[in-house]
Amino acid sequence: MKTTRKLMLVLSVVLLAAPLTLGAMSLERAYIESYRGRTDIPVPIKVVSPDVDSEYAGTTVELMFTVGPTGAPQDIEVRTPVDRELARVLTDAVQHWRFAPEQREGHPLAAKVMLPIRIVDQSTDDSRIAAR
């Protein structure tokens, strides 16, 4: 049975909620660490930040995909109407993400994921991705 999970990328929440030790980490590492110990959802273990032009700052784009039992994203679909180039950049980045798949009774499962990506302006905020 496939389930839909929502992984939220919002920088301020992780930076406020994460322990101070996460502050010294890259945002990608902090994002990954914020999911440590979870088995009820696909847990990111490798995150690639997209290189997005600042003209898209403030835009939130929802991607839907399946995390297969091997942890690779499959069938990535852009659910928010955006131009083709932005869609390409975001899907290319997420294709390189890897997950520890959701587990049920010790067995990896395929699971649907809805991933909202909030694009931040790198010139005013040195982050490339935001975290949950």
Protein backbone atom coordinates (compact mmCIF):
# COMPACT_ATOMS: atom_id res chain seq x y z
CA MET A 1 0.00 0.00 0.00
CA LYS A 2 1.38 3.38 -0.99
CA THR A 3 1.08 6.32 1.31
CA THR A 4 1.46 10.02 0.68
CA ARG A 5 3.84 11.91 2.94
CA LYS A 6 4.67 15.58 2.99
CA LEU A 7 8.27 16.69 3.48
CA MET A 8 8.23 20.44 4.08
CA LEU A 9 11.21 22.58 3.15
CA VAL A 10 11.08 25.69 5.32
CA LEU A 11 14.45 27.02 6.51
CA SER A 12 13.30 28.98 9.52
CA VAL A 13 11.54 26.04 11.17
CA VAL A 14 14.61 23.78 11.14
CA LEU A 15 16.97 26.46 12.27
CA LEU A 16 14.70 27.29 15.19
CA ALA A 17 13.87 23.70 16.10
CA ALA A 18 17.23 22.02 15.50
CA PRO A 19 19.84 21.76 18.22
CA LEU A 20 22.59 24.37 18.16
CA THR A 21 25.03 21.80 16.83
CA LEU A 22 23.11 21.76 13.55
CA GLY A 23 23.95 25.45 13.08
CA ALA A 24 27.53 24.55 12.14
CA MET A 25 26.35 22.08 9.48
CA SER A 26 25.48 22.78 5.89
CA LEU A 27 21.78 23.29 5.32
CA GLU A 28 21.67 20.04 3.37
CA ARG A 29 23.18 18.13 6.33
CA ALA A 30 20.88 19.91 8.82
CA TYR A 31 17.87 18.95 6.69
CA ILE A 32 18.96 15.32 6.63
CA GLU A 33 19.69 15.29 10.38
CA SER A 34 16.23 16.68 11.16
CA TYR A 35 14.75 13.34 9.98
CA ARG A 36 17.12 11.12 11.99
CA GLY A 37 15.38 8.12 13.56
CA ARG A 38 12.21 8.28 11.47
CA THR A 39 11.02 5.05 9.82
CA ASP A 40 7.39 5.95 9.17
CA ILE A 41 8.25 8.11 6.16
CA PRO A 42 10.96 8.06 3.48
CA VAL A 43 13.92 9.76 5.18
CA PRO A 44 16.31 11.86 3.07
CA ILE A 45 19.90 10.62 3.29
CA LYS A 46 21.33 12.58 0.35
CA VAL A 47 20.05 16.00 -0.72
CA VAL A 48 21.16 18.00 -3.76
CA SER A 49 20.29 21.69 -3.78
CA PRO A 50 19.04 23.06 -7.08
CA ASP A 51 20.79 26.08 -8.57
CA VAL A 52 17.80 28.36 -9.09
CA ASP A 53 17.86 31.92 -10.44
CA SER A 54 16.93 34.59 -7.88
CA GLU A 55 14.00 35.70 -10.05
CA TYR A 56 12.10 32.72 -8.57
CA ALA A 57 12.70 33.76 -4.94
CA GLY A 58 9.57 33.41 -2.86
CA THR A 59 8.12 30.77 -5.18
CA THR A 60 6.95 27.48 -3.72
CA VAL A 61 6.85 24.52 -6.09
CA GLU A 62 5.27 21.21 -5.17
CA LEU A 63 6.83 18.04 -6.54
CA MET A 64 5.17 14.66 -6.22
CA PHE A 65 7.14 11.46 -6.64
CA THR A 66 7.46 7.92 -5.42
CA VAL A 67 10.36 6.83 -3.27
CA GLY A 68 10.94 3.25 -4.28
CA PRO A 69 12.11 0.48 -1.95
CA THR A 70 15.70 1.22 -3.06
CA GLY A 71 15.39 4.86 -1.92
CA ALA A 72 15.52 6.48 -5.35
CA PRO A 73 12.86 9.04 -6.36
CA GLN A 74 10.77 7.84 -9.32
CA ASP A 75 8.11 9.41 -11.51
CA ILE A 76 8.85 13.00 -10.40
CA GLU A 77 5.96 15.26 -11.30
CA VAL A 78 5.79 19.05 -10.92
CA ARG A 79 2.37 19.82 -9.41
CA THR A 80 2.66 23.64 -9.43
CA PRO A 81 2.36 25.50 -12.73
CA VAL A 82 5.86 26.91 -13.37
CA ASP A 83 7.96 27.51 -16.45
CA ARG A 84 9.73 24.58 -18.07
CA GLU A 85 13.26 25.64 -17.03
CA LEU A 86 12.42 25.91 -13.32
CA ALA A 87 10.64 22.55 -13.45
CA ARG A 88 13.70 20.98 -15.11
CA VAL A 89 16.17 22.39 -12.56
CA LEU A 90 14.09 21.21 -9.60
CA THR A 91 13.38 17.73 -10.96
CA ASP A 92 17.04 17.30 -11.96
CA ALA A 93 18.12 18.07 -8.38
CA VAL A 94 15.52 15.80 -6.75
CA GLN A 95 16.48 12.92 -9.08
CA HIS A 96 19.81 12.89 -7.24
CA TRP A 97 18.25 12.77 -3.76
CA ARG A 98 18.33 9.45 -1.94
CA PHE A 99 16.08 8.25 0.85
CA ALA A 100 15.95 5.53 3.42
CA PRO A 101 12.55 4.17 2.39
CA GLU A 102 9.57 3.93 4.70
CA GLN A 103 9.65 0.68 6.68
CA ARG A 104 6.80 -1.55 7.74
CA GLU A 105 7.62 -4.61 9.82
CA GLY A 106 11.25 -4.21 8.80
CA HIS A 107 10.53 -4.21 5.07
CA PRO A 108 11.13 -1.23 2.76
CA LEU A 109 8.04 0.13 1.03
CA ALA A 110 7.43 2.37 -1.92
CA ALA A 111 5.75 5.59 -0.79
CA LYS A 112 4.34 8.68 -2.48
CA VAL A 113 5.91 11.94 -1.35
CA MET A 114 4.62 15.50 -1.83
CA LEU A 115 7.63 17.81 -1.51
CA PRO A 116 7.00 21.56 -1.38
CA ILE A 117 10.18 23.44 -2.27
CA ARG A 118 10.37 27.08 -1.19
CA ILE A 119 12.89 29.00 -3.24
CA VAL A 120 14.93 31.56 -1.32
CA ASP A 121 17.04 34.41 -2.68
CA GLN A 122 20.66 33.38 -2.26
CA SER A 123 21.85 36.98 -2.43
CA THR A 124 20.01 37.80 0.83
CA ASP A 125 20.07 34.32 2.35
CA ASP A 126 23.09 32.05 1.87
CA SER A 127 20.90 28.95 1.87
CA ARG A 128 20.15 26.93 -1.21
CA ILE A 129 17.51 24.72 0.27
CA ALA A 130 15.25 25.18 3.15
CA ALA A 131 14.47 22.48 5.62
CA ARG A 132 11.36 21.10 7.21
